[in-house]
Amino acid sequence: MKLSIKHIQVAVGSALVVATGIIGCQDPDYPAAQPSTTGYNTTSTRVLFVNATPNAASLRLSVDNSLVGTLTPSTSTTYVGVPLGAVAATAPQIRVSGAGGTLGANDFTSKGALLANTAYTIFITDSITRPAVRNAAGTVTDIGGIRTLQVTDNLTAPAAGNAHVRVFHLSPDAPTPVSVRLQPTAPTSTTVAPAFLNRVYRAATVTTGTGTTAVTTNYANFTPVPAGTYTAQVYAGATIPPTSSTVSPILTVPSVTVADGKIYTIYARGLRRTGTLGAGVVQHN
């Protein structure tokens, strides 16, 4: 099955970033996520929220009972300042509820451990109809519905001529893992086709191998990509087939542009079974 997303929208404004698309790049050795040094102090942090659910029409986000905003699917807030005072105690209460009661009993509340002088992205993930989980004794250990995935953002500016990009897999029914090839189309001087490999559903990290051979990849790390335009090819599996292969991607996204000096998070979203498999793009700067 091959799906195409024919347009990408990225709008960065004072309220929301709305985006549709996908992209990928190689996983080289790159510094782990570090706090940004701009716009922070020792008693606050910044959080960007993303609605990556496939079927929650509208979500209301609150931090310590203060409304952040309402998000439709595949939209995000800009960075929101979060105070880390005596009440928050570095673990603010994050509440996600359905506008108009659409989540019913599955309203989600959690306390996220946040550090001062740090930037975070919090994804709201999963289907609102995700079933509850019970243990062997029949006790509910997970009420089902939506969940959150929190990652740290390194907002260090890319080197001249590059963008920074990272990729997460947040489509509940797409194959897992997936891998992405980024095939350059412009400028013609760009010939390298980098790839993100082994993206596991809702994972912030993945470890391959065991013992002394174990290697952990942190998906929160941004990787440099030459500024330009690409076609993204998304494949089922932990690796990408050679260009000579007859294996077809499960998703193809043409005309993906990453701009010089910009920082992006790309995430798979939607449901394959309903034909809505696609991707969202968050521009961080």
Protein backbone atom coordinates (compact mmCIF):
# COMPACT_ATOMS: atom_id res chain seq x y z
CA MET A 1 0.00 0.00 0.00
CA LYS A 2 1.42 3.34 -1.03
CA LEU A 3 -0.05 6.58 0.20
CA SER A 4 0.88 10.11 -0.77
CA ILE A 5 0.55 13.37 1.09
CA LYS A 6 0.41 16.08 -1.54
CA HIS A 7 1.02 19.11 0.56
CA ILE A 8 2.84 20.29 3.61
CA GLN A 9 1.68 23.20 5.72
CA VAL A 10 3.90 24.84 8.30
CA ALA A 11 2.57 28.00 9.91
CA VAL A 12 4.45 29.46 12.83
CA GLY A 13 2.54 32.20 14.63
CA SER A 14 1.78 33.54 18.05
CA ALA A 15 -0.81 30.85 18.73
CA LEU A 16 -0.40 27.56 16.84
CA VAL A 17 1.82 25.69 14.44
CA VAL A 18 -0.25 23.65 11.98
CA ALA A 19 1.60 21.12 9.85
CA THR A 20 1.24 18.07 7.62
CA GLY A 21 4.16 16.18 6.02
CA ILE A 22 7.09 13.89 6.73
CA ILE A 23 10.85 13.83 6.45
CA GLY A 24 13.83 11.73 7.50
CA CYS A 25 17.58 11.82 7.92
CA GLN A 26 20.58 9.73 8.97
CA ASP A 27 21.36 8.98 12.60
CA PRO A 28 25.01 10.05 12.97
CA ASP A 29 26.74 10.58 16.28
CA TYR A 30 25.31 13.89 17.44
CA PRO A 31 25.27 15.59 20.83
CA ALA A 32 22.49 14.53 23.17
CA ALA A 33 19.66 16.93 23.89
CA GLN A 34 20.86 19.95 25.86
CA PRO A 35 19.00 22.84 27.50
CA SER A 36 18.55 25.95 25.41
CA THR A 37 20.18 29.04 26.86
CA THR A 38 17.70 31.53 25.44
CA GLY A 39 14.55 32.74 27.17
CA TYR A 40 14.81 30.76 30.42
CA ASN A 41 15.57 31.25 34.08
CA THR A 42 16.21 28.97 37.03
CA THR A 43 12.56 28.92 38.13
CA SER A 44 10.85 28.14 34.82
CA THR A 45 10.99 25.95 31.75
CA ARG A 46 9.32 25.87 28.32
CA VAL A 47 7.05 23.19 26.88
CA LEU A 48 5.63 22.74 23.39
CA PHE A 49 2.53 20.51 23.11
CA VAL A 50 1.60 18.46 20.02
CA ASN A 51 -1.74 16.77 19.34
CA ALA A 52 -0.60 13.58 17.58
CA THR A 53 -3.80 11.63 18.24
CA PRO A 54 -5.54 10.21 15.16
CA ASN A 55 -9.13 10.75 16.28
CA ALA A 56 -9.36 13.31 19.10
CA ALA A 57 -11.18 16.13 17.34
CA SER A 58 -10.12 18.75 19.87
CA LEU A 59 -8.07 18.63 23.07
CA ARG A 60 -7.87 21.13 25.93
CA LEU A 61 -4.44 21.36 27.55
CA SER A 62 -3.85 22.66 31.07
CA VAL A 63 -0.75 22.96 33.25
CA ASP A 64 -1.41 23.25 37.00
CA ASN A 65 -5.04 24.13 36.22
CA SER A 66 -4.07 26.98 33.87
CA LEU A 67 -5.45 26.53 30.35
CA VAL A 68 -2.71 26.40 27.69
CA GLY A 69 -4.97 26.12 24.68
CA THR A 70 -7.11 23.87 22.52
CA LEU A 71 -5.51 21.73 19.82
CA THR A 72 -7.04 19.92 16.86
CA PRO A 73 -5.18 16.88 15.42
CA SER A 74 -1.74 17.54 13.90
CA THR A 75 -1.42 20.96 15.50
CA SER A 76 0.88 22.22 18.22
CA THR A 77 1.32 25.13 20.56
CA THR A 78 4.33 27.38 20.49
CA TYR A 79 6.60 27.08 23.53
CA VAL A 80 4.68 27.75 26.74
CA GLY A 81 6.46 29.09 29.81
CA VAL A 82 5.92 26.82 32.84
CA PRO A 83 6.90 28.13 36.31
CA LEU A 84 8.67 25.66 38.58
CA GLY A 85 7.71 27.18 41.91
CA ALA A 86 6.71 25.71 45.25
CA VAL A 87 3.36 24.48 43.95
CA ALA A 88 4.72 22.87 40.81
CA ALA A 89 7.77 21.46 42.64
CA THR A 90 9.40 20.72 39.25
CA ALA A 91 6.58 18.27 38.40
CA PRO A 92 3.66 20.34 37.06
CA GLN A 93 0.32 18.61 36.63
CA ILE A 94 -0.47 18.24 32.93
CA ARG A 95 -4.12 17.63 32.12
CA VAL A 96 -5.51 16.70 28.70
CA SER A 97 -9.27 16.75 28.33
CA GLY A 98 -11.63 16.62 25.40
CA ALA A 99 -13.28 19.86 24.40
CA GLY A 100 -16.99 19.30 24.98
CA GLY A 101 -16.32 16.12 26.95
CA THR A 102 -15.21 14.09 23.91
CA LEU A 103 -12.77 11.99 25.95
CA GLY A 104 -15.32 11.06 28.60
CA ALA A 105 -13.73 9.05 31.42
CA ASN A 106 -10.44 8.96 29.53
CA ASP A 107 -9.33 12.48 30.42
CA PHE A 108 -5.60 12.23 31.03
CA THR A 109 -3.68 13.67 33.95
CA SER A 110 0.02 13.23 34.67
CA LYS A 111 2.88 14.91 36.47
CA GLY A 112 5.86 15.45 34.20
CA ALA A 113 9.31 15.89 35.74
CA LEU A 114 10.66 19.10 34.21
CA LEU A 115 14.02 20.80 34.71
CA ALA A 116 14.57 24.54 34.79
CA ASN A 117 16.30 26.20 31.84
CA THR A 118 15.23 23.36 29.53
CA ALA A 119 12.91 23.00 26.53
CA TYR A 120 10.54 20.07 26.11
CA THR A 121 8.06 18.70 23.61
CA ILE A 122 5.10 16.72 24.95
CA PHE A 123 3.16 14.68 22.38
CA ILE A 124 -0.41 13.59 23.07
CA THR A 125 -0.59 10.17 21.43
CA ASP A 126 -2.79 7.12 20.81
CA SER A 127 -6.40 6.68 19.84
CA ILE A 128 -9.10 7.86 22.23
CA THR A 129 -10.55 4.34 21.90
CA ARG A 130 -7.35 2.53 22.93
CA PRO A 131 -8.60 -0.32 25.16
CA ALA A 132 -7.89 -0.56 28.86
CA VAL A 133 -5.17 -2.95 30.02
CA ARG A 134 -5.78 -5.50 32.79
CA ASN A 135 -3.32 -7.71 34.64
CA ALA A 136 -3.74 -11.44 35.28
CA ALA A 137 -5.94 -10.72 38.29
CA GLY A 138 -8.28 -8.61 36.19
CA THR A 139 -7.22 -5.31 37.74
CA VAL A 140 -7.09 -2.34 35.38
CA THR A 141 -3.47 -1.16 35.13
CA ASP A 142 -4.04 1.27 32.26
CA ILE A 143 -7.40 2.95 31.63
CA GLY A 144 -6.70 3.14 27.91
CA GLY A 145 -7.27 6.15 25.69
CA ILE A 146 -4.67 8.83 25.12
CA ARG A 147 -1.17 9.00 26.60
CA THR A 148 1.73 11.47 26.51
CA LEU A 149 5.32 11.17 25.32
CA GLN A 150 7.79 13.74 26.71
CA VAL A 151 11.17 14.48 25.11
CA THR A 152 13.89 17.09 25.65
CA ASP A 153 14.63 19.63 22.91
CA ASN A 154 18.11 20.77 21.95
CA LEU A 155 17.52 24.14 20.29
CA THR A 156 21.15 24.83 19.39
CA ALA A 157 21.24 26.58 16.02
CA PRO A 158 22.22 24.40 13.04
CA ALA A 159 25.46 25.05 11.19
CA ALA A 160 25.23 27.25 8.10
CA GLY A 161 23.52 25.49 5.22
CA ASN A 162 21.79 22.92 7.44
CA ALA A 163 18.52 22.27 9.24
CA HIS A 164 18.12 20.06 12.31
CA VAL A 165 15.54 17.26 12.10
CA ARG A 166 14.27 14.36 14.22
CA VAL A 167 11.55 11.76 13.61
CA PHE A 168 9.07 9.92 15.84
CA HIS A 169 6.61 7.13 15.01
CA LEU A 170 3.20 8.02 16.48
CA SER A 171 0.75 6.24 14.15
CA PRO A 172 -1.05 3.59 16.24
CA ASP A 173 -1.74 1.05 13.48
CA ALA A 174 1.19 1.60 11.11
CA PRO A 175 3.86 -1.13 11.08
CA THR A 176 6.48 -0.83 13.78
CA PRO A 177 9.30 -0.17 13.42
CA VAL A 178 9.50 2.05 10.35
CA SER A 179 12.49 3.57 8.57
CA VAL A 180 12.66 6.67 6.38
CA ARG A 181 14.80 7.53 3.37
CA LEU A 182 15.12 11.20 2.45
CA GLN A 183 15.76 11.40 -1.30
CA PRO A 184 17.08 14.84 -2.35
CA THR A 185 15.46 16.60 -5.30
CA ALA A 186 16.85 20.15 -4.98
CA PRO A 187 19.38 21.65 -5.11
CA THR A 188 21.05 19.23 -7.51
CA SER A 189 24.31 19.59 -5.58
CA THR A 190 22.75 17.59 -2.72
CA THR A 191 23.35 13.92 -3.51
CA VAL A 192 23.30 12.17 -0.13
CA ALA A 193 20.03 10.38 0.73
CA PRO A 194 20.12 10.15 4.54
CA ALA A 195 17.77 7.96 6.56
CA PHE A 196 16.17 7.57 9.97
CA LEU A 197 16.15 3.89 10.89
CA ASN A 198 14.20 1.67 13.28
CA ARG A 199 11.57 4.11 14.54
CA VAL A 200 9.47 2.17 17.04
CA TYR A 201 5.92 3.26 17.90
CA ARG A 202 5.82 5.77 20.78
CA ALA A 203 9.47 5.19 21.62
CA ALA A 204 11.82 8.00 22.64
CA THR A 205 14.80 5.63 22.60
CA VAL A 206 15.56 2.18 21.26
CA THR A 207 18.34 -0.22 22.26
CA THR A 208 19.74 -2.79 19.86
CA GLY A 209 22.12 -5.59 20.82
CA THR A 210 22.83 -6.85 24.31
CA GLY A 211 25.59 -6.60 26.89
CA THR A 212 28.74 -4.94 25.64
CA THR A 213 27.31 -4.70 22.12
CA ALA A 214 24.16 -2.81 23.18
CA VAL A 215 23.64 0.52 21.40
CA THR A 216 20.93 2.99 22.41
CA THR A 217 19.59 5.53 19.92
CA ASN A 218 17.87 8.60 21.36
CA TYR A 219 15.16 9.79 18.97
CA ALA A 220 15.05 13.15 20.76
CA ASN A 221 18.44 14.06 19.28
CA PHE A 222 18.24 16.31 16.24
CA THR A 223 20.44 15.50 13.27
CA PRO A 224 21.82 17.91 10.64
CA VAL A 225 20.32 17.76 7.15
CA PRO A 226 21.46 19.92 4.22
CA ALA A 227 18.84 22.59 3.56
CA GLY A 228 16.85 21.70 0.47
CA THR A 229 13.88 19.78 -0.90
CA TYR A 230 13.41 16.03 -0.55
CA THR A 231 11.03 13.16 -1.21
CA ALA A 232 10.51 11.13 1.95
CA GLN A 233 10.01 7.39 1.56
CA VAL A 234 8.75 5.51 4.63
CA TYR A 235 9.35 1.74 4.80
CA ALA A 236 8.11 -0.91 7.20
CA GLY A 237 11.02 -2.42 9.12
CA ALA A 238 14.19 -1.54 10.98
CA THR A 239 16.20 -0.93 7.81
CA ILE A 240 15.73 0.58 4.37
CA PRO A 241 15.91 -1.57 1.23
CA PRO A 242 18.50 -0.65 -1.41
CA THR A 243 17.38 1.70 -4.16
CA SER A 244 17.43 -1.27 -6.55
CA SER A 245 14.80 -3.09 -4.45
CA THR A 246 11.23 -3.59 -5.65
CA VAL A 247 9.89 -3.11 -2.10
CA SER A 248 7.45 -0.20 -2.04
CA PRO A 249 7.28 2.35 0.78
CA ILE A 250 4.13 2.44 2.89
CA LEU A 251 4.12 6.23 2.64
CA THR A 252 5.66 8.66 0.15
CA VAL A 253 5.78 12.40 0.73
CA PRO A 254 7.10 14.58 -2.12
CA SER A 255 8.38 18.15 -1.98
CA VAL A 256 9.53 18.19 1.63
CA THR A 257 11.54 21.35 2.24
CA VAL A 258 13.82 21.96 5.22
CA ALA A 259 15.12 25.50 5.54
CA ASP A 260 18.59 26.72 6.43
CA GLY A 261 18.87 27.33 10.18
CA LYS A 262 15.51 25.81 11.11
CA ILE A 263 14.76 23.01 13.60
CA TYR A 264 12.02 20.45 12.93
CA THR A 265 10.27 17.53 14.57
CA ILE A 266 8.56 15.16 12.15
CA TYR A 267 6.10 12.55 13.38
CA ALA A 268 4.08 9.80 11.72
CA ARG A 269 0.40 10.19 12.58
CA GLY A 270 -3.06 9.06 11.52
CA LEU A 271 -4.43 5.57 10.90
CA ARG A 272 -3.38 3.35 8.03
CA ARG A 273 -6.66 1.42 8.07
CA THR A 274 -8.68 4.59 7.47
CA GLY A 275 -6.37 6.00 4.81
CA THR A 276 -5.23 8.89 7.01
CA LEU A 277 -1.63 7.74 7.50
CA GLY A 278 0.53 10.80 7.10
CA ALA A 279 2.83 13.01 9.10
CA GLY A 280 2.99 16.20 11.08
CA VAL A 281 5.78 18.76 11.14
CA VAL A 282 6.64 21.02 14.06
CA GLN A 283 9.02 23.92 13.44
CA HIS A 284 10.73 24.84 16.70
CA ASN A 285 12.30 28.18 15.72
